[in-house]
Amino acid sequence: MSDETKTKPETASAGAPKQIEPLRGIVKGLAENRLKLVLSSAADMGNGFAAVLPSGTSFDEVKEPSFWAHCAYKLRPGDEIVVHSDDMSFFGRLYVRDVSAPGQQKLSNRAVVAVLDFKEFEPMARDARNKNHEVVYLGPHMQWCVRSLKDSRVVKERCGTAEEAAGWMRSQAA
């Protein structure tokens, strides 16, 4: 290891900049490719967006300003976001109240949102099922999947149809 990579304890002096503390409790956030502009407004506000959350992400997470860190730069106050889950377990609508950049940053990476509407749905009945696996639709990104009943882990994804996923599941059981 070279001398350049070693860290030395430094004493704080009057002219030295403060050490930046690591942030705690950061929400993982929504990937940029999961927020799409679906209705563009001619004005500076009122754009319509759709966000598709990965399975396992709760609706409560979208209320955190840091959840929008990767895609807040696309948003403006007055925009509306329709929120879906990959597994179609809920639907919600959000109103963007503010977009900001903490500290001296130039790129906005926080969005304050208000909940306009939220509806949670019952799980959909699935026909294709065996003792160990089930066929489920996990949204437009993962499509039809085969999921383990034991640990809810997806073992096969991106099947075009439910029949294709069921056929794969049967082939693995044989």
N, C-alpha and C. Protein backbone atom coordinates (compact mmCIF):
# COMPACT_ATOMS: atom_id res chain seq x y z
N MET A 1 0.85 -1.17 0.00
CA MET A 1 0.00 0.00 0.00
C MET A 1 0.89 1.24 0.00
N SER A 2 0.65 2.17 -0.87
CA SER A 2 1.49 3.36 -0.97
C SER A 2 1.12 4.36 0.11
N ASP A 3 1.98 5.35 0.28
CA ASP A 3 1.73 6.38 1.28
C ASP A 3 0.52 7.24 0.91
N GLU A 4 0.23 7.33 -0.38
CA GLU A 4 -0.89 8.16 -0.82
C GLU A 4 -2.23 7.59 -0.39
N THR A 5 -2.33 6.26 -0.34
CA THR A 5 -3.61 5.64 -0.01
C THR A 5 -3.83 5.48 1.48
N LYS A 6 -2.78 5.66 2.27
CA LYS A 6 -2.94 5.56 3.72
C LYS A 6 -3.62 6.83 4.22
N THR A 7 -4.49 6.66 5.18
CA THR A 7 -5.14 7.82 5.76
C THR A 7 -4.48 8.15 7.08
N LYS A 8 -4.25 9.42 7.31
CA LYS A 8 -3.62 9.86 8.54
C LYS A 8 -4.65 10.63 9.34
N PRO A 9 -4.66 10.43 10.64
CA PRO A 9 -5.59 11.24 11.44
C PRO A 9 -5.16 12.70 11.39
N GLU A 10 -6.12 13.56 11.07
CA GLU A 10 -5.82 14.98 10.97
C GLU A 10 -6.49 15.72 12.12
N THR A 11 -5.85 16.73 12.56
CA THR A 11 -6.45 17.56 13.59
C THR A 11 -7.18 18.69 12.91
N ALA A 12 -8.33 19.04 13.47
CA ALA A 12 -9.14 20.11 12.89
C ALA A 12 -8.47 21.45 13.15
N SER A 13 -8.23 22.19 12.10
CA SER A 13 -7.66 23.52 12.25
C SER A 13 -8.70 24.53 11.79
N ALA A 14 -8.44 25.77 12.05
CA ALA A 14 -9.42 26.82 11.74
C ALA A 14 -9.70 26.91 10.25
N GLY A 15 -8.70 26.66 9.39
CA GLY A 15 -8.89 26.81 7.96
C GLY A 15 -9.29 25.53 7.25
N ALA A 16 -9.27 24.39 7.94
CA ALA A 16 -9.57 23.10 7.30
C ALA A 16 -11.08 22.92 7.14
N PRO A 17 -11.50 22.35 6.01
CA PRO A 17 -12.94 22.11 5.82
C PRO A 17 -13.42 21.00 6.76
N LYS A 18 -14.70 21.03 7.08
CA LYS A 18 -15.29 20.02 7.95
C LYS A 18 -15.36 18.69 7.23
N GLN A 19 -15.25 17.60 7.99
CA GLN A 19 -15.42 16.26 7.44
C GLN A 19 -16.90 16.04 7.14
N ILE A 20 -17.19 15.44 6.03
CA ILE A 20 -18.57 15.13 5.68
C ILE A 20 -18.94 13.81 6.33
N GLU A 21 -20.02 13.83 7.08
CA GLU A 21 -20.47 12.62 7.76
C GLU A 21 -21.30 11.78 6.81
N PRO A 22 -21.19 10.46 6.88
CA PRO A 22 -22.02 9.61 6.02
C PRO A 22 -23.49 9.74 6.40
N LEU A 23 -24.35 9.72 5.40
CA LEU A 23 -25.79 9.82 5.64
C LEU A 23 -26.31 8.51 6.19
N ARG A 24 -27.24 8.59 7.08
CA ARG A 24 -27.83 7.39 7.68
C ARG A 24 -29.27 7.25 7.20
N GLY A 25 -29.72 6.01 7.08
CA GLY A 25 -31.12 5.76 6.75
C GLY A 25 -31.52 6.16 5.35
N ILE A 26 -30.60 6.05 4.40
CA ILE A 26 -30.93 6.43 3.03
C ILE A 26 -31.88 5.40 2.43
N VAL A 27 -32.94 5.89 1.82
CA VAL A 27 -33.86 5.02 1.10
C VAL A 27 -33.21 4.70 -0.23
N LYS A 28 -33.29 3.45 -0.66
CA LYS A 28 -32.62 3.03 -1.89
C LYS A 28 -33.07 3.87 -3.07
N GLY A 29 -34.32 4.14 -3.18
CA GLY A 29 -34.80 5.04 -4.22
C GLY A 29 -35.26 4.32 -5.48
N LEU A 30 -35.92 5.08 -6.31
CA LEU A 30 -36.47 4.57 -7.55
C LEU A 30 -35.44 4.71 -8.67
N ALA A 31 -35.22 3.64 -9.40
CA ALA A 31 -34.28 3.69 -10.54
C ALA A 31 -34.84 4.64 -11.60
N GLU A 32 -33.95 5.33 -12.26
CA GLU A 32 -34.35 6.35 -13.23
C GLU A 32 -35.24 5.79 -14.35
N ASN A 33 -34.97 4.56 -14.79
CA ASN A 33 -35.75 3.99 -15.90
C ASN A 33 -37.15 3.56 -15.48
N ARG A 34 -37.50 3.67 -14.21
CA ARG A 34 -38.84 3.28 -13.75
C ARG A 34 -39.78 4.48 -13.60
N LEU A 35 -39.35 5.67 -13.97
CA LEU A 35 -40.21 6.85 -14.00
C LEU A 35 -40.29 7.35 -15.43
N LYS A 36 -41.48 7.33 -15.99
CA LYS A 36 -41.67 7.72 -17.39
C LYS A 36 -42.64 8.89 -17.50
N LEU A 37 -42.33 9.81 -18.40
CA LEU A 37 -43.24 10.90 -18.72
C LEU A 37 -44.33 10.35 -19.63
N VAL A 38 -45.58 10.46 -19.20
CA VAL A 38 -46.68 9.92 -20.01
C VAL A 38 -47.59 11.02 -20.56
N LEU A 39 -47.54 12.21 -19.95
CA LEU A 39 -48.36 13.33 -20.43
C LEU A 39 -47.57 14.61 -20.24
N SER A 40 -47.18 15.23 -21.36
CA SER A 40 -46.37 16.43 -21.30
C SER A 40 -47.27 17.66 -21.38
N SER A 41 -47.02 18.62 -20.51
CA SER A 41 -47.80 19.85 -20.48
C SER A 41 -47.07 20.93 -21.25
N ALA A 42 -47.82 21.85 -21.85
CA ALA A 42 -47.21 22.96 -22.56
C ALA A 42 -46.69 24.01 -21.57
N ALA A 43 -47.14 23.93 -20.33
CA ALA A 43 -46.72 24.87 -19.30
C ALA A 43 -45.53 24.31 -18.52
N ASP A 44 -45.07 25.07 -17.55
CA ASP A 44 -43.95 24.63 -16.72
C ASP A 44 -44.36 23.62 -15.67
N MET A 45 -45.64 23.39 -15.50
CA MET A 45 -46.11 22.45 -14.49
C MET A 45 -47.26 21.63 -15.05
N GLY A 46 -47.60 20.57 -14.33
CA GLY A 46 -48.74 19.77 -14.76
C GLY A 46 -48.39 18.59 -15.64
N ASN A 47 -47.12 18.20 -15.70
CA ASN A 47 -46.75 17.00 -16.44
C ASN A 47 -47.26 15.76 -15.71
N GLY A 48 -47.55 14.72 -16.46
CA GLY A 48 -48.00 13.46 -15.87
C GLY A 48 -46.92 12.40 -16.02
N PHE A 49 -46.56 11.77 -14.91
CA PHE A 49 -45.55 10.73 -14.89
C PHE A 49 -46.16 9.42 -14.40
N ALA A 50 -45.55 8.31 -14.77
CA ALA A 50 -45.91 7.00 -14.24
C ALA A 50 -44.66 6.38 -13.65
N ALA A 51 -44.80 5.86 -12.42
CA ALA A 51 -43.70 5.19 -11.75
C ALA A 51 -44.11 3.75 -11.46
N VAL A 52 -43.26 2.81 -11.84
CA VAL A 52 -43.52 1.39 -11.58
C VAL A 52 -42.50 0.94 -10.54
N LEU A 53 -43.00 0.64 -9.33
CA LEU A 53 -42.12 0.25 -8.23
C LEU A 53 -41.80 -1.23 -8.29
N PRO A 54 -40.59 -1.61 -7.95
CA PRO A 54 -40.24 -3.04 -7.91
C PRO A 54 -41.08 -3.76 -6.85
N SER A 55 -41.35 -5.03 -7.07
CA SER A 55 -42.07 -5.83 -6.08
C SER A 55 -41.32 -5.77 -4.76
N GLY A 56 -42.07 -5.64 -3.68
CA GLY A 56 -41.47 -5.56 -2.36
C GLY A 56 -41.24 -4.14 -1.87
N THR A 57 -41.41 -3.14 -2.73
CA THR A 57 -41.29 -1.75 -2.33
C THR A 57 -42.65 -1.28 -1.84
N SER A 58 -42.70 -0.74 -0.64
CA SER A 58 -43.99 -0.30 -0.10
C SER A 58 -44.32 1.10 -0.59
N PHE A 59 -45.61 1.41 -0.57
CA PHE A 59 -46.05 2.73 -1.00
C PHE A 59 -45.55 3.82 -0.05
N ASP A 60 -45.34 3.48 1.21
CA ASP A 60 -44.85 4.46 2.19
C ASP A 60 -43.48 5.00 1.82
N GLU A 61 -42.68 4.22 1.11
CA GLU A 61 -41.34 4.66 0.72
C GLU A 61 -41.37 5.83 -0.26
N VAL A 62 -42.41 5.93 -1.09
CA VAL A 62 -42.48 7.00 -2.08
C VAL A 62 -42.72 8.36 -1.44
N LYS A 63 -43.15 8.38 -0.19
CA LYS A 63 -43.41 9.64 0.50
C LYS A 63 -42.13 10.33 0.96
N GLU A 64 -41.04 9.58 1.00
CA GLU A 64 -39.75 10.13 1.42
C GLU A 64 -39.12 10.94 0.28
N PRO A 65 -38.69 12.17 0.53
CA PRO A 65 -38.07 12.98 -0.54
C PRO A 65 -36.86 12.30 -1.18
N SER A 66 -36.07 11.57 -0.40
CA SER A 66 -34.87 10.94 -0.94
C SER A 66 -35.18 9.74 -1.84
N PHE A 67 -36.42 9.21 -1.79
CA PHE A 67 -36.79 8.10 -2.66
C PHE A 67 -36.65 8.49 -4.13
N TRP A 68 -36.86 9.76 -4.43
CA TRP A 68 -36.84 10.26 -5.81
C TRP A 68 -35.46 10.77 -6.23
N ALA A 69 -34.42 10.43 -5.47
CA ALA A 69 -33.07 10.97 -5.71
C ALA A 69 -32.56 10.76 -7.12
N HIS A 70 -32.83 9.61 -7.73
CA HIS A 70 -32.29 9.31 -9.05
C HIS A 70 -33.08 9.93 -10.20
N CYS A 71 -34.28 10.42 -9.92
CA CYS A 71 -35.10 10.94 -11.01
C CYS A 71 -35.80 12.27 -10.67
N ALA A 72 -35.46 12.90 -9.56
CA ALA A 72 -36.10 14.16 -9.17
C ALA A 72 -35.82 15.28 -10.16
N TYR A 73 -34.70 15.21 -10.86
CA TYR A 73 -34.37 16.26 -11.83
C TYR A 73 -35.40 16.35 -12.96
N LYS A 74 -36.17 15.30 -13.20
CA LYS A 74 -37.21 15.31 -14.24
C LYS A 74 -38.48 16.01 -13.77
N LEU A 75 -38.67 16.10 -12.46
CA LEU A 75 -39.92 16.58 -11.88
C LEU A 75 -39.92 18.08 -11.64
N ARG A 76 -41.14 18.66 -11.64
CA ARG A 76 -41.33 20.07 -11.31
C ARG A 76 -42.52 20.15 -10.35
N PRO A 77 -42.54 21.16 -9.49
CA PRO A 77 -43.72 21.33 -8.64
C PRO A 77 -44.98 21.46 -9.50
N GLY A 78 -46.04 20.77 -9.10
CA GLY A 78 -47.28 20.76 -9.87
C GLY A 78 -47.45 19.53 -10.74
N ASP A 79 -46.41 18.73 -10.88
CA ASP A 79 -46.51 17.50 -11.66
C ASP A 79 -47.29 16.45 -10.87
N GLU A 80 -47.82 15.48 -11.57
CA GLU A 80 -48.54 14.38 -10.95
C GLU A 80 -47.86 13.07 -11.32
N ILE A 81 -47.78 12.16 -10.34
CA ILE A 81 -47.15 10.86 -10.56
C ILE A 81 -48.16 9.77 -10.24
N VAL A 82 -48.42 8.89 -11.20
CA VAL A 82 -49.25 7.71 -10.98
C VAL A 82 -48.29 6.58 -10.62
N VAL A 83 -48.55 5.93 -9.48
CA VAL A 83 -47.63 4.91 -8.96
C VAL A 83 -48.28 3.54 -9.04
N HIS A 84 -47.57 2.61 -9.67
CA HIS A 84 -47.99 1.21 -9.76
C HIS A 84 -46.90 0.34 -9.13
N SER A 85 -47.28 -0.86 -8.76
CA SER A 85 -46.31 -1.83 -8.28
C SER A 85 -46.15 -2.90 -9.35
N ASP A 86 -44.94 -3.48 -9.47
CA ASP A 86 -44.71 -4.54 -10.45
C ASP A 86 -45.71 -5.68 -10.31
N ASP A 87 -46.09 -6.00 -9.08
CA ASP A 87 -47.02 -7.10 -8.87
C ASP A 87 -48.48 -6.65 -8.86
N MET A 88 -48.73 -5.40 -9.20
CA MET A 88 -50.07 -4.82 -9.28
C MET A 88 -50.84 -4.93 -7.96
N SER A 89 -50.13 -4.81 -6.83
CA SER A 89 -50.76 -4.95 -5.53
C SER A 89 -51.34 -3.62 -5.01
N PHE A 90 -50.94 -2.50 -5.60
CA PHE A 90 -51.51 -1.22 -5.20
C PHE A 90 -51.41 -0.21 -6.34
N PHE A 91 -52.14 0.89 -6.16
CA PHE A 91 -52.16 2.00 -7.11
C PHE A 91 -52.22 3.28 -6.29
N GLY A 92 -51.49 4.29 -6.71
CA GLY A 92 -51.54 5.56 -6.01
C GLY A 92 -51.26 6.72 -6.94
N ARG A 93 -51.67 7.90 -6.51
CA ARG A 93 -51.39 9.14 -7.25
C ARG A 93 -50.75 10.12 -6.30
N LEU A 94 -49.71 10.78 -6.78
CA LEU A 94 -48.97 11.74 -5.98
C LEU A 94 -48.95 13.10 -6.68
N TYR A 95 -48.87 14.15 -5.88
CA TYR A 95 -48.73 15.51 -6.37
C TYR A 95 -47.37 16.03 -5.92
N VAL A 96 -46.56 16.50 -6.85
CA VAL A 96 -45.22 17.01 -6.53
C VAL A 96 -45.35 18.43 -6.00
N ARG A 97 -44.96 18.62 -4.73
CA ARG A 97 -45.08 19.93 -4.09
C ARG A 97 -43.80 20.75 -4.19
N ASP A 98 -42.65 20.06 -4.18
CA ASP A 98 -41.38 20.78 -4.24
C ASP A 98 -40.29 19.84 -4.74
N VAL A 99 -39.33 20.40 -5.44
CA VAL A 99 -38.15 19.67 -5.89
C VAL A 99 -36.94 20.51 -5.50
N SER A 100 -35.96 19.85 -4.87
CA SER A 100 -34.82 20.63 -4.37
C SER A 100 -33.53 19.82 -4.42
N ALA A 101 -32.46 20.54 -4.16
CA ALA A 101 -31.13 19.94 -4.05
C ALA A 101 -30.57 20.36 -2.70
N PRO A 102 -30.31 19.40 -1.80
CA PRO A 102 -29.79 19.79 -0.49
C PRO A 102 -28.38 20.34 -0.58
N GLY A 103 -28.08 21.28 0.29
CA GLY A 103 -26.73 21.84 0.34
C GLY A 103 -26.39 22.67 -0.88
N GLN A 104 -25.17 22.53 -1.36
CA GLN A 104 -24.67 23.32 -2.49
C GLN A 104 -24.82 22.60 -3.82
N GLN A 105 -25.55 21.49 -3.84
CA GLN A 105 -25.70 20.73 -5.08
C GLN A 105 -26.50 21.52 -6.10
N LYS A 106 -26.22 21.28 -7.38
CA LYS A 106 -26.92 21.99 -8.45
C LYS A 106 -28.05 21.15 -9.04
N LEU A 107 -27.91 19.83 -9.01
CA LEU A 107 -28.91 18.95 -9.61
C LEU A 107 -29.92 18.54 -8.55
N SER A 108 -31.20 18.76 -8.82
CA SER A 108 -32.25 18.40 -7.87
C SER A 108 -32.28 16.90 -7.67
N ASN A 109 -32.28 16.48 -6.40
CA ASN A 109 -32.35 15.05 -6.12
C ASN A 109 -33.25 14.75 -4.92
N ARG A 110 -34.18 15.63 -4.64
CA ARG A 110 -35.19 15.41 -3.61
C ARG A 110 -36.52 15.93 -4.15
N ALA A 111 -37.59 15.20 -3.88
CA ALA A 111 -38.92 15.64 -4.30
C ALA A 111 -39.89 15.44 -3.14
N VAL A 112 -40.57 16.51 -2.77
CA VAL A 112 -41.59 16.43 -1.72
C VAL A 112 -42.91 16.19 -2.42
N VAL A 113 -43.57 15.09 -2.05
CA VAL A 113 -44.82 14.72 -2.70
C VAL A 113 -45.94 14.61 -1.67
N ALA A 114 -47.17 14.80 -2.14
CA ALA A 114 -48.36 14.62 -1.32
C ALA A 114 -49.20 13.52 -1.95
N VAL A 115 -49.82 12.70 -1.12
CA VAL A 115 -50.64 11.59 -1.61
C VAL A 115 -52.03 12.12 -1.98
N LEU A 116 -52.42 11.92 -3.23
CA LEU A 116 -53.76 12.29 -3.68
C LEU A 116 -54.73 11.12 -3.55
N ASP A 117 -54.20 9.92 -3.83
CA ASP A 117 -55.06 8.74 -3.86
C ASP A 117 -54.19 7.51 -3.62
N PHE A 118 -54.77 6.52 -2.95
CA PHE A 118 -54.06 5.25 -2.74
C PHE A 118 -55.09 4.15 -2.59
N LYS A 119 -54.84 3.04 -3.28
CA LYS A 119 -55.73 1.88 -3.21
C LYS A 119 -54.87 0.63 -3.21
N GLU A 120 -55.09 -0.24 -2.21
CA GLU A 120 -54.40 -1.51 -2.13
C GLU A 120 -55.35 -2.60 -2.59
N PHE A 121 -54.84 -3.57 -3.36
CA PHE A 121 -55.67 -4.62 -3.94
C PHE A 121 -55.38 -5.97 -3.30
N GLU A 122 -56.36 -6.84 -3.36
CA GLU A 122 -56.19 -8.22 -2.91
C GLU A 122 -55.31 -8.95 -3.93
N PRO A 123 -54.56 -9.96 -3.50
CA PRO A 123 -53.75 -10.72 -4.46
C PRO A 123 -54.64 -11.40 -5.50
N MET A 124 -54.14 -11.44 -6.73
CA MET A 124 -54.89 -12.09 -7.81
C MET A 124 -54.74 -13.60 -7.70
N ALA A 125 -55.82 -14.31 -8.00
CA ALA A 125 -55.78 -15.77 -7.97
C ALA A 125 -54.92 -16.28 -9.12
N ARG A 126 -54.12 -17.27 -8.86
CA ARG A 126 -53.24 -17.85 -9.87
C ARG A 126 -53.65 -19.29 -10.12
N ASP A 127 -53.74 -19.64 -11.39
CA ASP A 127 -54.13 -21.00 -11.76
C ASP A 127 -52.94 -21.96 -11.73
N ALA A 128 -51.86 -21.53 -12.36
CA ALA A 128 -50.70 -22.41 -12.47
C ALA A 128 -49.93 -22.42 -11.15
N ARG A 129 -49.96 -23.56 -10.48
CA ARG A 129 -49.31 -23.65 -9.17
C ARG A 129 -48.99 -25.11 -8.89
N ASN A 130 -47.88 -25.36 -8.23
CA ASN A 130 -47.59 -26.70 -7.73
C ASN A 130 -47.17 -26.57 -6.26
N LYS A 131 -46.64 -27.60 -5.67
CA LYS A 131 -46.32 -27.56 -4.25
C LYS A 131 -45.18 -26.60 -3.92
N ASN A 132 -44.29 -26.37 -4.87
CA ASN A 132 -43.09 -25.59 -4.59
C ASN A 132 -43.03 -24.23 -5.27
N HIS A 133 -43.74 -24.07 -6.39
CA HIS A 133 -43.63 -22.84 -7.17
C HIS A 133 -45.00 -22.36 -7.64
N GLU A 134 -45.06 -21.07 -8.03
CA GLU A 134 -46.27 -20.52 -8.61
C GLU A 134 -45.89 -19.59 -9.76
N VAL A 135 -46.83 -19.41 -10.68
CA VAL A 135 -46.64 -18.49 -11.80
C VAL A 135 -47.32 -17.17 -11.41
N VAL A 136 -46.57 -16.07 -11.48
CA VAL A 136 -47.10 -14.76 -11.12
C VAL A 136 -46.70 -13.73 -12.16
N TYR A 137 -47.54 -12.71 -12.32
CA TYR A 137 -47.21 -11.60 -13.19
C TYR A 137 -46.62 -10.50 -12.32
N LEU A 138 -45.37 -10.11 -12.58
CA LEU A 138 -44.69 -9.10 -11.77
C LEU A 138 -44.46 -7.81 -12.54
N GLY A 139 -45.35 -7.50 -13.44
CA GLY A 139 -45.31 -6.22 -14.11
C GLY A 139 -44.58 -6.21 -15.43
N PRO A 140 -44.56 -5.03 -16.06
CA PRO A 140 -43.99 -4.93 -17.40
C PRO A 140 -42.49 -5.16 -17.48
N HIS A 141 -41.78 -5.00 -16.37
CA HIS A 141 -40.34 -5.19 -16.40
C HIS A 141 -39.95 -6.66 -16.27
N MET A 142 -40.55 -7.34 -15.30
CA MET A 142 -40.20 -8.74 -15.07
C MET A 142 -41.15 -9.69 -15.78
N GLN A 143 -42.31 -9.23 -16.19
CA GLN A 143 -43.31 -9.99 -16.92
C GLN A 143 -43.76 -11.22 -16.11
N TRP A 144 -44.09 -12.31 -16.79
CA TRP A 144 -44.53 -13.53 -16.11
C TRP A 144 -43.33 -14.25 -15.53
N CYS A 145 -43.45 -14.64 -14.27
CA CYS A 145 -42.33 -15.25 -13.56
C CYS A 145 -42.77 -16.52 -12.84
N VAL A 146 -41.80 -17.35 -12.52
CA VAL A 146 -42.02 -18.51 -11.65
C VAL A 146 -41.36 -18.15 -10.33
N ARG A 147 -42.16 -18.20 -9.26
CA ARG A 147 -41.68 -17.80 -7.93
C ARG A 147 -41.76 -18.97 -6.97
N SER A 148 -40.74 -19.11 -6.16
CA SER A 148 -40.69 -20.16 -5.15
C SER A 148 -41.66 -19.83 -4.02
N LEU A 149 -42.47 -20.80 -3.62
CA LEU A 149 -43.40 -20.58 -2.51
C LEU A 149 -42.69 -20.60 -1.17
N LYS A 150 -41.54 -21.25 -1.13
CA LYS A 150 -40.80 -21.39 0.12
C LYS A 150 -40.22 -20.06 0.60
N ASP A 151 -39.56 -19.33 -0.31
CA ASP A 151 -38.89 -18.09 0.10
C ASP A 151 -39.26 -16.88 -0.77
N SER A 152 -40.26 -17.03 -1.63
CA SER A 152 -40.74 -15.96 -2.52
C SER A 152 -39.67 -15.44 -3.48
N ARG A 153 -38.66 -16.25 -3.75
CA ARG A 153 -37.58 -15.88 -4.66
C ARG A 153 -38.02 -16.19 -6.09
N VAL A 154 -37.75 -15.28 -7.01
CA VAL A 154 -38.07 -15.50 -8.42
C VAL A 154 -37.00 -16.40 -9.02
N VAL A 155 -37.42 -17.56 -9.58
CA VAL A 155 -36.46 -18.50 -10.14
C VAL A 155 -36.42 -18.43 -11.67
N LYS A 156 -37.46 -17.88 -12.29
CA LYS A 156 -37.48 -17.68 -13.75
C LYS A 156 -38.27 -16.41 -14.01
N GLU A 157 -37.72 -15.52 -14.81
CA GLU A 157 -38.40 -14.26 -15.10
C GLU A 157 -38.45 -14.00 -16.59
N ARG A 158 -39.21 -12.99 -16.96
CA ARG A 158 -39.37 -12.51 -18.34
C ARG A 158 -39.93 -13.54 -19.30
N CYS A 159 -40.91 -14.31 -18.84
CA CYS A 159 -41.65 -15.19 -19.74
C CYS A 159 -42.73 -14.35 -20.41
N GLY A 160 -42.94 -14.54 -21.68
CA GLY A 160 -43.91 -13.73 -22.43
C GLY A 160 -45.36 -13.97 -22.02
N THR A 161 -45.70 -15.20 -21.66
CA THR A 161 -47.07 -15.53 -21.29
C THR A 161 -47.07 -16.40 -20.03
N ALA A 162 -48.25 -16.51 -19.44
CA ALA A 162 -48.39 -17.37 -18.26
C ALA A 162 -48.16 -18.83 -18.65
N GLU A 163 -48.60 -19.20 -19.85
CA GLU A 163 -48.43 -20.57 -20.32
C GLU A 163 -46.96 -20.93 -20.48
N GLU A 164 -46.18 -19.98 -20.98
CA GLU A 164 -44.74 -20.20 -21.13
C GLU A 164 -44.08 -20.43 -19.76
N ALA A 165 -44.46 -19.62 -18.78
CA ALA A 165 -43.91 -19.78 -17.43
C ALA A 165 -44.35 -21.10 -16.81
N ALA A 166 -45.62 -21.46 -17.01
CA ALA A 166 -46.13 -22.73 -16.47
C ALA A 166 -45.41 -23.90 -17.14
N GLY A 167 -45.15 -23.80 -18.44
CA GLY A 167 -44.43 -24.86 -19.15
C GLY A 167 -43.02 -25.01 -18.63
N TRP A 168 -42.36 -23.89 -18.36
CA TRP A 168 -41.01 -23.97 -17.79
C TRP A 168 -41.05 -24.62 -16.41
N MET A 169 -42.06 -24.26 -15.61
CA MET A 169 -42.19 -24.82 -14.27
C MET A 169 -42.42 -26.34 -14.35
N ARG A 170 -43.26 -26.76 -15.28
CA ARG A 170 -43.51 -28.21 -15.44
C ARG A 170 -42.26 -28.93 -15.91
N SER A 171 -41.49 -28.32 -16.80
CA SER A 171 -40.28 -28.95 -17.32
C SER A 171 -39.23 -29.14 -16.22
N GLN A 172 -39.20 -28.23 -15.27
CA GLN A 172 -38.24 -28.35 -14.16
C GLN A 172 -38.66 -29.40 -13.15
N ALA A 173 -39.96 -29.63 -13.05
CA ALA A 173 -40.47 -30.62 -12.09
C ALA A 173 -40.26 -32.05 -12.61
N ALA A 174 -40.17 -32.19 -13.91
CA ALA A 174 -40.05 -33.53 -14.51
C ALA A 174 -38.67 -34.11 -14.35
